[in-house]
């Protein structure tokens, strides 16, 4: 896997992926940015949320669950001193579908957290990661 980051101006950077996608990252106005895009640390949270969502949907569909939506709301805390790593991350899953089985949703989240989601498992080396969920039956 490869990526390329190019400085644009001030504290704005264009990230380009090997798969041909690009995202603009920027700093806060307090740090010289113009708020043109997400912060790099926000990108890490988005990556972890996307990774675990991918797993949960995949596992539920493989288990023949009629999932129609999956939202992960993430709250994180960072260390006060440099390097300001994430120290705690909480992921709240809202999974919607028809006749979803609670135990299958719980299992999918657990499998992602403990076995499959490389992004959150990596972040778990510095942060205490917790999960909870709710199921919305449609």
C-alpha atoms as a PDB file:
ATOM      1  CA  UNK A   1       0.000   0.000   0.000  1.00  0.00           C
ATOM      2  CA  UNK A   2       1.284   3.435  -0.873  1.00  0.00           C
ATOM      3  CA  UNK A   3       0.170   6.987  -0.224  1.00  0.00           C
ATOM      4  CA  UNK A   4       1.484  10.420  -1.154  1.00  0.00           C
ATOM      5  CA  UNK A   5       1.081  13.581   0.891  1.00  0.00           C
ATOM      6  CA  UNK A   6       1.791  16.939  -0.743  1.00  0.00           C
ATOM      7  CA  UNK A   7       1.990  20.233   1.089  1.00  0.00           C
ATOM      8  CA  UNK A   8      -0.444  22.721  -0.472  1.00  0.00           C
ATOM      9  CA  UNK A   9      -0.036  25.878   1.641  1.00  0.00           C
ATOM     10  CA  UNK A  10       0.166  26.957   5.280  1.00  0.00           C
ATOM     11  CA  UNK A  11      -0.866  23.734   7.057  1.00  0.00           C
ATOM     12  CA  UNK A  12      -2.955  22.213   4.234  1.00  0.00           C
ATOM     13  CA  UNK A  13      -1.897  18.896   2.719  1.00  0.00           C
ATOM     14  CA  UNK A  14      -3.315  16.831  -0.133  1.00  0.00           C
ATOM     15  CA  UNK A  15      -3.298  13.105   0.549  1.00  0.00           C
ATOM     16  CA  UNK A  16      -3.447  10.811  -2.466  1.00  0.00           C
ATOM     17  CA  UNK A  17      -3.981   7.074  -2.223  1.00  0.00           C
ATOM     18  CA  UNK A  18      -2.613   4.314  -4.391  1.00  0.00           C
ATOM     19  CA  UNK A  19      -6.197   3.569  -5.445  1.00  0.00           C
ATOM     20  CA  UNK A  20      -6.485   7.032  -6.986  1.00  0.00           C
ATOM     21  CA  UNK A  21      -8.443   8.943  -4.351  1.00  0.00           C
ATOM     22  CA  UNK A  22      -7.545  12.262  -2.777  1.00  0.00           C
ATOM     23  CA  UNK A  23      -8.458  14.118   0.388  1.00  0.00           C
ATOM     24  CA  UNK A  24      -7.458  17.560   1.570  1.00  0.00           C
ATOM     25  CA  UNK A  25      -6.364  17.783   5.207  1.00  0.00           C
ATOM     26  CA  UNK A  26      -5.989  21.096   6.995  1.00  0.00           C
ATOM     27  CA  UNK A  27      -5.201  22.441  10.424  1.00  0.00           C
ATOM     28  CA  UNK A  28      -7.353  24.582  12.646  1.00  0.00           C
ATOM     29  CA  UNK A  29      -7.207  28.369  12.292  1.00  0.00           C
ATOM     30  CA  UNK A  30      -5.396  28.454  15.669  1.00  0.00           C
ATOM     31  CA  UNK A  31      -2.558  26.427  14.142  1.00  0.00           C
ATOM     32  CA  UNK A  32      -2.379  28.390  10.890  1.00  0.00           C
ATOM     33  CA  UNK A  33      -4.976  26.482   8.880  1.00  0.00           C
ATOM     34  CA  UNK A  34      -8.038  27.648   7.046  1.00  0.00           C
ATOM     35  CA  UNK A  35     -10.302  24.766   8.089  1.00  0.00           C
ATOM     36  CA  UNK A  36     -10.459  23.443   4.512  1.00  0.00           C
ATOM     37  CA  UNK A  37     -10.569  19.776   5.476  1.00  0.00           C
ATOM     38  CA  UNK A  38     -10.381  17.277   8.306  1.00  0.00           C
ATOM     39  CA  UNK A  39      -7.393  17.221  10.626  1.00  0.00           C
ATOM     40  CA  UNK A  40      -4.984  14.295  10.188  1.00  0.00           C
ATOM     41  CA  UNK A  41      -6.004  12.840  13.573  1.00  0.00           C
ATOM     42  CA  UNK A  42      -9.661  13.059  12.542  1.00  0.00           C
ATOM     43  CA  UNK A  43      -8.701  11.035   9.468  1.00  0.00           C
ATOM     44  CA  UNK A  44      -7.383   8.304  11.784  1.00  0.00           C
ATOM     45  CA  UNK A  45     -10.755   8.129  13.536  1.00  0.00           C
ATOM     46  CA  UNK A  46     -12.577   8.087  10.201  1.00  0.00           C
ATOM     47  CA  UNK A  47     -10.320   5.266   9.047  1.00  0.00           C
ATOM     48  CA  UNK A  48     -10.992   3.210  12.161  1.00  0.00           C
ATOM     49  CA  UNK A  49     -14.736   3.856  11.883  1.00  0.00           C
ATOM     50  CA  UNK A  50     -14.761   2.915   8.215  1.00  0.00           C
ATOM     51  CA  UNK A  51     -12.693  -0.199   8.836  1.00  0.00           C
ATOM     52  CA  UNK A  52     -14.909  -1.520  11.627  1.00  0.00           C
ATOM     53  CA  UNK A  53     -18.117  -0.616   9.751  1.00  0.00           C
ATOM     54  CA  UNK A  54     -16.856  -2.567   6.735  1.00  0.00           C
ATOM     55  CA  UNK A  55     -16.261  -5.596   8.974  1.00  0.00           C
ATOM     56  CA  UNK A  56     -19.598  -5.391  10.786  1.00  0.00           C
ATOM     57  CA  UNK A  57     -21.615  -5.112   7.567  1.00  0.00           C
ATOM     58  CA  UNK A  58     -19.616  -7.918   5.951  1.00  0.00           C
ATOM     59  CA  UNK A  59     -20.054 -10.242   8.934  1.00  0.00           C
ATOM     60  CA  UNK A  60     -23.778  -9.516   9.279  1.00  0.00           C
ATOM     61  CA  UNK A  61     -24.455 -10.042   5.573  1.00  0.00           C
ATOM     62  CA  UNK A  62     -22.436 -13.251   5.626  1.00  0.00           C
ATOM     63  CA  UNK A  63     -24.660 -14.325   8.542  1.00  0.00           C
ATOM     64  CA  UNK A  64     -27.725 -13.629   6.387  1.00  0.00           C
ATOM     65  CA  UNK A  65     -28.843 -10.702   8.509  1.00  0.00           C
ATOM     66  CA  UNK A  66     -31.037  -8.155   6.713  1.00  0.00           C
ATOM     67  CA  UNK A  67     -28.971  -5.112   7.654  1.00  0.00           C
ATOM     68  CA  UNK A  68     -30.048  -1.837   6.015  1.00  0.00           C
ATOM     69  CA  UNK A  69     -27.876   0.725   7.795  1.00  0.00           C
ATOM     70  CA  UNK A  70     -24.874   1.002  10.067  1.00  0.00           C
ATOM     71  CA  UNK A  71     -23.703   4.190  11.742  1.00  0.00           C
ATOM     72  CA  UNK A  72     -20.746   4.405  14.101  1.00  0.00           C
ATOM     73  CA  UNK A  73     -20.506   7.449  16.340  1.00  0.00           C
ATOM     74  CA  UNK A  74     -16.992   7.839  17.724  1.00  0.00           C
ATOM     75  CA  UNK A  75     -15.806   9.863  20.695  1.00  0.00           C
ATOM     76  CA  UNK A  76     -12.110  10.047  21.458  1.00  0.00           C
ATOM     77  CA  UNK A  77      -9.789  11.602  23.994  1.00  0.00           C
ATOM     78  CA  UNK A  78      -6.184  12.520  23.351  1.00  0.00           C
ATOM     79  CA  UNK A  79      -3.183  12.897  25.638  1.00  0.00           C
ATOM     80  CA  UNK A  80      -2.514  16.454  26.805  1.00  0.00           C
ATOM     81  CA  UNK A  81       1.225  16.275  26.028  1.00  0.00           C
ATOM     82  CA  UNK A  82       3.056  15.517  22.779  1.00  0.00           C
ATOM     83  CA  UNK A  83       2.749  13.118  21.179  1.00  0.00           C
ATOM     84  CA  UNK A  84      -0.977  13.660  21.631  1.00  0.00           C
ATOM     85  CA  UNK A  85      -1.985  10.060  20.969  1.00  0.00           C
ATOM     86  CA  UNK A  86      -5.511   8.837  21.436  1.00  0.00           C
ATOM     87  CA  UNK A  87      -5.916   7.575  24.993  1.00  0.00           C
ATOM     88  CA  UNK A  88      -9.555   6.479  24.823  1.00  0.00           C
ATOM     89  CA  UNK A  89     -11.951   5.816  21.979  1.00  0.00           C
ATOM     90  CA  UNK A  90     -15.598   4.874  22.317  1.00  0.00           C
ATOM     91  CA  UNK A  91     -17.508   3.511  19.331  1.00  0.00           C
ATOM     92  CA  UNK A  92     -21.304   3.503  19.455  1.00  0.00           C
ATOM     93  CA  UNK A  93     -22.873   1.428  16.683  1.00  0.00           C
ATOM     94  CA  UNK A  94     -26.426   2.004  15.475  1.00  0.00           C
ATOM     95  CA  UNK A  95     -27.341  -0.957  13.287  1.00  0.00           C
ATOM     96  CA  UNK A  96     -30.659  -1.024  11.453  1.00  0.00           C
ATOM     97  CA  UNK A  97     -32.381  -3.836   9.637  1.00  0.00           C
ATOM     98  CA  UNK A  98     -35.186  -6.334   9.455  1.00  0.00           C
ATOM     99  CA  UNK A  99     -35.380  -9.063  12.097  1.00  0.00           C
ATOM    100  CA  UNK A 100     -31.794  -8.426  13.225  1.00  0.00           C
ATOM    101  CA  UNK A 101     -30.601 -10.733  15.975  1.00  0.00           C
ATOM    102  CA  UNK A 102     -28.944  -8.851  18.858  1.00  0.00           C
ATOM    103  CA  UNK A 103     -26.443 -11.631  19.457  1.00  0.00           C
ATOM    104  CA  UNK A 104     -25.309 -11.551  15.809  1.00  0.00           C
ATOM    105  CA  UNK A 105     -24.799  -7.769  15.901  1.00  0.00           C
ATOM    106  CA  UNK A 106     -22.843  -8.084  19.149  1.00  0.00           C
ATOM    107  CA  UNK A 107     -20.758 -10.908  17.683  1.00  0.00           C
ATOM    108  CA  UNK A 108     -19.978  -8.928  14.516  1.00  0.00           C
ATOM    109  CA  UNK A 109     -18.793  -5.923  16.535  1.00  0.00           C
ATOM    110  CA  UNK A 110     -16.680  -8.137  18.788  1.00  0.00           C
ATOM    111  CA  UNK A 111     -15.081  -9.978  15.853  1.00  0.00           C
ATOM    112  CA  UNK A 112     -14.229  -6.680  14.192  1.00  0.00           C
ATOM    113  CA  UNK A 113     -12.749  -5.268  17.400  1.00  0.00           C
ATOM    114  CA  UNK A 114     -10.734  -8.326  18.357  1.00  0.00           C
ATOM    115  CA  UNK A 115      -9.788  -9.973  15.071  1.00  0.00           C
ATOM    116  CA  UNK A 116     -10.425  -8.102  11.828  1.00  0.00           C
ATOM    117  CA  UNK A 117     -10.250  -4.298  12.083  1.00  0.00           C
ATOM    118  CA  UNK A 118      -6.567  -3.565  11.691  1.00  0.00           C
ATOM    119  CA  UNK A 119      -7.115   0.179  12.142  1.00  0.00           C
ATOM    120  CA  UNK A 120      -8.816  -0.028  15.523  1.00  0.00           C
ATOM    121  CA  UNK A 121      -6.574  -2.872  16.710  1.00  0.00           C
ATOM    122  CA  UNK A 122      -3.572  -0.674  15.893  1.00  0.00           C
ATOM    123  CA  UNK A 123      -5.096   2.337  17.693  1.00  0.00           C
ATOM    124  CA  UNK A 124      -5.788   0.015  20.622  1.00  0.00           C
ATOM    125  CA  UNK A 125      -2.047  -0.115  21.281  1.00  0.00           C
ATOM    126  CA  UNK A 126      -2.284   3.375  22.833  1.00  0.00           C
ATOM    127  CA  UNK A 127      -6.004   3.857  23.476  1.00  0.00           C
ATOM    128  CA  UNK A 128      -8.575   2.074  25.566  1.00  0.00           C
ATOM    129  CA  UNK A 129     -11.243   1.242  22.975  1.00  0.00           C
ATOM    130  CA  UNK A 130     -14.789   0.506  24.081  1.00  0.00           C
ATOM    131  CA  UNK A 131     -17.913  -0.357  22.109  1.00  0.00           C
ATOM    132  CA  UNK A 132     -21.634  -0.400  22.586  1.00  0.00           C
ATOM    133  CA  UNK A 133     -24.527  -0.705  20.176  1.00  0.00           C
ATOM    134  CA  UNK A 134     -28.191  -0.335  19.563  1.00  0.00           C
ATOM    135  CA  UNK A 135     -30.325  -2.166  17.057  1.00  0.00           C
ATOM    136  CA  UNK A 136     -33.135  -0.473  15.172  1.00  0.00           C
ATOM    137  CA  UNK A 137     -35.685  -2.952  13.838  1.00  0.00           C
ATOM    138  CA  UNK A 138     -37.377  -1.786  10.656  1.00  0.00           C
END
